[in-house]
Amino acid sequence: GTVNVNGKFYPNQAVTLVDILNPGHT
């Protein structure tokens, strides 16, 4: 239900996670 990811984000920013091995997996 949560994950920490390296990067600078703004509060409540919408993020699309893209699988680095399979770009179709988001």
PDB file of all heavy atoms in Angstrom:
ATOM      1  N   GLY A   1       0.797  -1.225   0.000  1.00  0.00           N
ATOM      2  CA  GLY A   1       0.000   0.000   0.000  1.00  0.00           C
ATOM      3  C   GLY A   1       0.820   1.261   0.000  1.00  0.00           C
ATOM      4  O   GLY A   1       0.269   2.372   0.032  1.00  0.00           O
ATOM      5  N   THR A   2       2.127   1.145  -0.066  1.00  0.00           N
ATOM      6  CA  THR A   2       3.014   2.308  -0.123  1.00  0.00           C
ATOM      7  C   THR A   2       4.399   1.844  -0.545  1.00  0.00           C
ATOM      8  O   THR A   2       4.739   0.662  -0.407  1.00  0.00           O
ATOM      9  CB  THR A   2       3.096   3.015   1.247  1.00  0.00           C
ATOM     10  OG1 THR A   2       3.909   4.178   1.123  1.00  0.00           O
ATOM     11  CG2 THR A   2       3.700   2.103   2.291  1.00  0.00           C
ATOM     12  N   VAL A   3       5.194   2.766  -1.069  1.00  0.00           N
ATOM     13  CA  VAL A   3       6.560   2.443  -1.475  1.00  0.00           C
ATOM     14  C   VAL A   3       7.382   3.727  -1.484  1.00  0.00           C
ATOM     15  O   VAL A   3       6.862   4.809  -1.764  1.00  0.00           O
ATOM     16  CB  VAL A   3       6.582   1.774  -2.875  1.00  0.00           C
ATOM     17  CG1 VAL A   3       6.116   2.742  -3.951  1.00  0.00           C
ATOM     18  CG2 VAL A   3       7.977   1.244  -3.206  1.00  0.00           C
ATOM     19  N   ASN A   4       8.639   3.603  -1.128  1.00  0.00           N
ATOM     20  CA  ASN A   4       9.577   4.722  -1.206  1.00  0.00           C
ATOM     21  C   ASN A   4      10.373   4.614  -2.495  1.00  0.00           C
ATOM     22  O   ASN A   4      10.927   3.555  -2.805  1.00  0.00           O
ATOM     23  CB  ASN A   4      10.540   4.713  -0.020  1.00  0.00           C
ATOM     24  CG  ASN A   4       9.904   5.260   1.250  1.00  0.00           C
ATOM     25  OD1 ASN A   4       9.171   6.237   1.196  1.00  0.00           O
ATOM     26  ND2 ASN A   4      10.182   4.622   2.381  1.00  0.00           N
ATOM     27  N   VAL A   5      10.419   5.687  -3.243  1.00  0.00           N
ATOM     28  CA  VAL A   5      11.146   5.714  -4.506  1.00  0.00           C
ATOM     29  C   VAL A   5      12.053   6.933  -4.510  1.00  0.00           C
ATOM     30  O   VAL A   5      11.646   8.016  -4.097  1.00  0.00           O
ATOM     31  CB  VAL A   5      10.179   5.778  -5.714  1.00  0.00           C
ATOM     32  CG1 VAL A   5      10.950   5.883  -7.016  1.00  0.00           C
ATOM     33  CG2 VAL A   5       9.295   4.535  -5.741  1.00  0.00           C
ATOM     34  N   ASN A   6      13.291   6.738  -4.966  1.00  0.00           N
ATOM     35  CA  ASN A   6      14.221   7.856  -5.036  1.00  0.00           C
ATOM     36  C   ASN A   6      13.749   8.881  -6.068  1.00  0.00           C
ATOM     37  O   ASN A   6      13.300   8.526  -7.154  1.00  0.00           O
ATOM     38  CB  ASN A   6      15.624   7.363  -5.407  1.00  0.00           C
ATOM     39  CG  ASN A   6      16.243   6.526  -4.299  1.00  0.00           C
ATOM     40  OD1 ASN A   6      15.971   6.753  -3.114  1.00  0.00           O
ATOM     41  ND2 ASN A   6      17.081   5.571  -4.663  1.00  0.00           N
ATOM     42  N   GLY A   7      13.865  10.121  -5.714  1.00  0.00           N
ATOM     43  CA  GLY A   7      13.453  11.190  -6.624  1.00  0.00           C
ATOM     44  C   GLY A   7      12.851  12.342  -5.853  1.00  0.00           C
ATOM     45  O   GLY A   7      12.442  12.199  -4.698  1.00  0.00           O
ATOM     46  N   LYS A   8      12.797  13.503  -6.502  1.00  0.00           N
ATOM     47  CA  LYS A   8      12.211  14.688  -5.879  1.00  0.00           C
ATOM     48  C   LYS A   8      10.795  14.871  -6.410  1.00  0.00           C
ATOM     49  O   LYS A   8      10.586  14.999  -7.617  1.00  0.00           O
ATOM     50  CB  LYS A   8      13.046  15.934  -6.186  1.00  0.00           C
ATOM     51  CG  LYS A   8      12.545  17.193  -5.480  1.00  0.00           C
ATOM     52  CD  LYS A   8      13.371  18.405  -5.837  1.00  0.00           C
ATOM     53  CE  LYS A   8      12.904  19.637  -5.062  1.00  0.00           C
ATOM     54  NZ  LYS A   8      11.479  19.926  -5.190  1.00  0.00           N
ATOM     55  N   PHE A   9       9.833  14.841  -5.514  1.00  0.00           N
ATOM     56  CA  PHE A   9       8.434  14.977  -5.890  1.00  0.00           C
ATOM     57  C   PHE A   9       7.804  16.137  -5.126  1.00  0.00           C
ATOM     58  O   PHE A   9       8.243  16.512  -4.041  1.00  0.00           O
ATOM     59  CB  PHE A   9       7.653  13.696  -5.586  1.00  0.00           C
ATOM     60  CG  PHE A   9       8.222  12.465  -6.226  1.00  0.00           C
ATOM     61  CD1 PHE A   9       8.891  11.508  -5.473  1.00  0.00           C
ATOM     62  CD2 PHE A   9       8.084  12.259  -7.590  1.00  0.00           C
ATOM     63  CE1 PHE A   9       9.410  10.380  -6.060  1.00  0.00           C
ATOM     64  CE2 PHE A   9       8.609  11.127  -8.188  1.00  0.00           C
ATOM     65  CZ  PHE A   9       9.272  10.189  -7.424  1.00  0.00           C
ATOM     66  N   TYR A  10       6.739  16.669  -5.723  1.00  0.00           N
ATOM     67  CA  TYR A  10       5.940  17.663  -5.033  1.00  0.00           C
ATOM     68  C   TYR A  10       4.830  16.957  -4.251  1.00  0.00           C
ATOM     69  O   TYR A  10       4.418  15.848  -4.606  1.00  0.00           O
ATOM     70  CB  TYR A  10       5.319  18.640  -6.030  1.00  0.00           C
ATOM     71  CG  TYR A  10       6.315  19.546  -6.699  1.00  0.00           C
ATOM     72  CD1 TYR A  10       6.710  19.336  -8.015  1.00  0.00           C
ATOM     73  CD2 TYR A  10       6.863  20.632  -6.012  1.00  0.00           C
ATOM     74  CE1 TYR A  10       7.631  20.173  -8.631  1.00  0.00           C
ATOM     75  CE2 TYR A  10       7.774  21.477  -6.616  1.00  0.00           C
ATOM     76  CZ  TYR A  10       8.159  21.248  -7.927  1.00  0.00           C
ATOM     77  OH  TYR A  10       9.068  22.072  -8.524  1.00  0.00           O
ATOM     78  N   PRO A  11       4.318  17.574  -3.187  1.00  0.00           N
ATOM     79  CA  PRO A  11       3.207  16.961  -2.443  1.00  0.00           C
ATOM     80  C   PRO A  11       2.006  16.713  -3.353  1.00  0.00           C
ATOM     81  O   PRO A  11       1.650  17.563  -4.177  1.00  0.00           O
ATOM     82  CB  PRO A  11       2.887  18.013  -1.368  1.00  0.00           C
ATOM     83  CG  PRO A  11       4.139  18.800  -1.210  1.00  0.00           C
ATOM     84  CD  PRO A  11       4.763  18.839  -2.558  1.00  0.00           C
ATOM     85  N   ASN A  12       1.420  15.543  -3.216  1.00  0.00           N
ATOM     86  CA  ASN A  12       0.221  15.148  -3.964  1.00  0.00           C
ATOM     87  C   ASN A  12       0.444  15.095  -5.478  1.00  0.00           C
ATOM     88  O   ASN A  12      -0.512  15.169  -6.259  1.00  0.00           O
ATOM     89  CB  ASN A  12      -0.954  16.096  -3.648  1.00  0.00           C
ATOM     90  CG  ASN A  12      -1.258  16.149  -2.169  1.00  0.00           C
ATOM     91  OD1 ASN A  12      -1.392  15.125  -1.516  1.00  0.00           O
ATOM     92  ND2 ASN A  12      -1.368  17.346  -1.622  1.00  0.00           N
ATOM     93  N   GLN A  13       1.690  14.956  -5.893  1.00  0.00           N
ATOM     94  CA  GLN A  13       1.974  14.842  -7.319  1.00  0.00           C
ATOM     95  C   GLN A  13       1.542  13.472  -7.828  1.00  0.00           C
ATOM     96  O   GLN A  13       1.651  12.460  -7.131  1.00  0.00           O
ATOM     97  CB  GLN A  13       3.463  15.042  -7.586  1.00  0.00           C
ATOM     98  CG  GLN A  13       3.823  15.138  -9.058  1.00  0.00           C
ATOM     99  CD  GLN A  13       5.270  15.551  -9.280  1.00  0.00           C
ATOM    100  OE1 GLN A  13       6.096  15.484  -8.366  1.00  0.00           O
ATOM    101  NE2 GLN A  13       5.587  15.989 -10.484  1.00  0.00           N
ATOM    102  N   ALA A  14       1.018  13.435  -9.043  1.00  0.00           N
ATOM    103  CA  ALA A  14       0.594  12.177  -9.660  1.00  0.00           C
ATOM    104  C   ALA A  14       1.791  11.548 -10.367  1.00  0.00           C
ATOM    105  O   ALA A  14       2.443  12.200 -11.189  1.00  0.00           O
ATOM    106  CB  ALA A  14      -0.529  12.434 -10.651  1.00  0.00           C
ATOM    107  N   VAL A  15       2.054  10.298 -10.054  1.00  0.00           N
ATOM    108  CA  VAL A  15       3.250   9.625 -10.556  1.00  0.00           C
ATOM    109  C   VAL A  15       2.862   8.344 -11.288  1.00  0.00           C
ATOM    110  O   VAL A  15       2.068   7.546 -10.779  1.00  0.00           O
ATOM    111  CB  VAL A  15       4.226   9.289  -9.405  1.00  0.00           C
ATOM    112  CG1 VAL A  15       5.490   8.625  -9.947  1.00  0.00           C
ATOM    113  CG2 VAL A  15       4.585  10.545  -8.622  1.00  0.00           C
ATOM    114  N   THR A  16       3.416   8.153 -12.472  1.00  0.00           N
ATOM    115  CA  THR A  16       3.261   6.901 -13.206  1.00  0.00           C
ATOM    116  C   THR A  16       4.545   6.098 -13.065  1.00  0.00           C
ATOM    117  O   THR A  16       5.618   6.549 -13.496  1.00  0.00           O
ATOM    118  CB  THR A  16       2.967   7.154 -14.698  1.00  0.00           C
ATOM    119  OG1 THR A  16       1.782   7.946 -14.817  1.00  0.00           O
ATOM    120  CG2 THR A  16       2.771   5.839 -15.434  1.00  0.00           C
ATOM    121  N   LEU A  17       4.454   4.943 -12.437  1.00  0.00           N
ATOM    122  CA  LEU A  17       5.611   4.059 -12.292  1.00  0.00           C
ATOM    123  C   LEU A  17       5.696   3.154 -13.513  1.00  0.00           C
ATOM    124  O   LEU A  17       4.735   2.444 -13.833  1.00  0.00           O
ATOM    125  CB  LEU A  17       5.487   3.217 -11.018  1.00  0.00           C
ATOM    126  CG  LEU A  17       5.238   3.983  -9.706  1.00  0.00           C
ATOM    127  CD1 LEU A  17       5.121   3.009  -8.546  1.00  0.00           C
ATOM    128  CD2 LEU A  17       6.350   4.973  -9.452  1.00  0.00           C
ATOM    129  N   VAL A  18       6.820   3.171 -14.190  1.00  0.00           N
ATOM    130  CA  VAL A  18       7.022   2.373 -15.395  1.00  0.00           C
ATOM    131  C   VAL A  18       8.093   1.327 -15.123  1.00  0.00           C
ATOM    132  O   VAL A  18       9.204   1.657 -14.700  1.00  0.00           O
ATOM    133  CB  VAL A  18       7.437   3.262 -16.584  1.00  0.00           C
ATOM    134  CG1 VAL A  18       7.610   2.411 -17.843  1.00  0.00           C
ATOM    135  CG2 VAL A  18       6.407   4.362 -16.819  1.00  0.00           C
ATOM    136  N   ASP A  19       7.738   0.061 -15.344  1.00  0.00           N
ATOM    137  CA  ASP A  19       8.668  -1.047 -15.145  1.00  0.00           C
ATOM    138  C   ASP A  19       9.853  -0.889 -16.085  1.00  0.00           C
ATOM    139  O   ASP A  19       9.701  -0.821 -17.304  1.00  0.00           O
ATOM    140  CB  ASP A  19       7.945  -2.374 -15.414  1.00  0.00           C
ATOM    141  CG  ASP A  19       8.759  -3.586 -14.982  1.00  0.00           C
ATOM    142  OD1 ASP A  19      10.010  -3.491 -14.959  1.00  0.00           O
ATOM    143  OD2 ASP A  19       8.156  -4.630 -14.684  1.00  0.00           O
ATOM    144  N   ILE A  20      11.050  -0.829 -15.521  1.00  0.00           N
ATOM    145  CA  ILE A  20      12.243  -0.617 -16.326  1.00  0.00           C
ATOM    146  C   ILE A  20      12.532  -1.802 -17.244  1.00  0.00           C
ATOM    147  O   ILE A  20      13.170  -1.652 -18.293  1.00  0.00           O
ATOM    148  CB  ILE A  20      13.462  -0.326 -15.407  1.00  0.00           C
ATOM    149  CG1 ILE A  20      14.626   0.250 -16.220  1.00  0.00           C
ATOM    150  CG2 ILE A  20      13.869  -1.579 -14.642  1.00  0.00           C
ATOM    151  CD1 ILE A  20      15.763   0.763 -15.361  1.00  0.00           C
ATOM    152  N   LEU A  21      12.047  -2.999 -16.870  1.00  0.00           N
ATOM    153  CA  LEU A  21      12.258  -4.193 -17.695  1.00  0.00           C
ATOM    154  C   LEU A  21      11.128  -4.426 -18.684  1.00  0.00           C
ATOM    155  O   LEU A  21      11.335  -5.027 -19.742  1.00  0.00           O
ATOM    156  CB  LEU A  21      12.412  -5.424 -16.788  1.00  0.00           C
ATOM    157  CG  LEU A  21      13.555  -5.368 -15.765  1.00  0.00           C
ATOM    158  CD1 LEU A  21      13.551  -6.635 -14.911  1.00  0.00           C
ATOM    159  CD2 LEU A  21      14.891  -5.189 -16.477  1.00  0.00           C
ATOM    160  N   ASN A  22       9.939  -3.947 -18.339  1.00  0.00           N
ATOM    161  CA  ASN A  22       8.770  -4.136 -19.187  1.00  0.00           C
ATOM    162  C   ASN A  22       7.956  -2.844 -19.190  1.00  0.00           C
ATOM    163  O   ASN A  22       7.081  -2.645 -18.351  1.00  0.00           O
ATOM    164  CB  ASN A  22       7.918  -5.304 -18.666  1.00  0.00           C
ATOM    165  CG  ASN A  22       6.662  -5.510 -19.508  1.00  0.00           C
ATOM    166  OD1 ASN A  22       6.559  -5.007 -20.636  1.00  0.00           O
ATOM    167  ND2 ASN A  22       5.692  -6.229 -18.950  1.00  0.00           N
ATOM    168  N   PRO A  23       8.244  -1.915 -20.135  1.00  0.00           N
ATOM    169  CA  PRO A  23       7.578  -0.602 -20.139  1.00  0.00           C
ATOM    170  C   PRO A  23       6.066  -0.682 -20.215  1.00  0.00           C
ATOM    171  O   PRO A  23       5.379   0.291 -19.880  1.00  0.00           O
ATOM    172  CB  PRO A  23       8.153   0.071 -21.393  1.00  0.00           C
ATOM    173  CG  PRO A  23       9.464  -0.608 -21.626  1.00  0.00           C
ATOM    174  CD  PRO A  23       9.251  -2.027 -21.201  1.00  0.00           C
ATOM    175  N   GLY A  24       5.510  -1.820 -20.633  1.00  0.00           N
ATOM    176  CA  GLY A  24       4.064  -1.962 -20.676  1.00  0.00           C
ATOM    177  C   GLY A  24       3.451  -2.198 -19.309  1.00  0.00           C
ATOM    178  O   GLY A  24       2.231  -2.118 -19.146  1.00  0.00           O
ATOM    179  N   HIS A  25       4.292  -2.492 -18.334  1.00  0.00           N
ATOM    180  CA  HIS A  25       3.842  -2.740 -16.964  1.00  0.00           C
ATOM    181  C   HIS A  25       3.960  -1.435 -16.180  1.00  0.00           C
ATOM    182  O   HIS A  25       5.067  -0.968 -15.895  1.00  0.00           O
ATOM    183  CB  HIS A  25       4.700  -3.833 -16.322  1.00  0.00           C
ATOM    184  CG  HIS A  25       4.258  -4.210 -14.943  1.00  0.00           C
ATOM    185  ND1 HIS A  25       5.130  -4.685 -13.984  1.00  0.00           N
ATOM    186  CD2 HIS A  25       3.029  -4.169 -14.358  1.00  0.00           C
ATOM    187  CE1 HIS A  25       4.458  -4.917 -12.870  1.00  0.00           C
ATOM    188  NE2 HIS A  25       3.179  -4.620 -13.082  1.00  0.00           N
ATOM    189  N   THR A  26       2.837  -0.818 -15.833  1.00  0.00           N
ATOM    190  CA  THR A  26       2.852   0.470 -15.146  1.00  0.00           C
ATOM    191  C   THR A  26       1.922   0.451 -13.941  1.00  0.00           C
ATOM    192  O   THR A  26       1.092  -0.452 -13.794  1.00  0.00           O
ATOM    193  CB  THR A  26       2.412   1.616 -16.092  1.00  0.00           C
ATOM    194  OG1 THR A  26       1.057   1.382 -16.514  1.00  0.00           O
ATOM    195  CG2 THR A  26       3.325   1.703 -17.312  1.00  0.00           C
TER     196      THR A  26
END
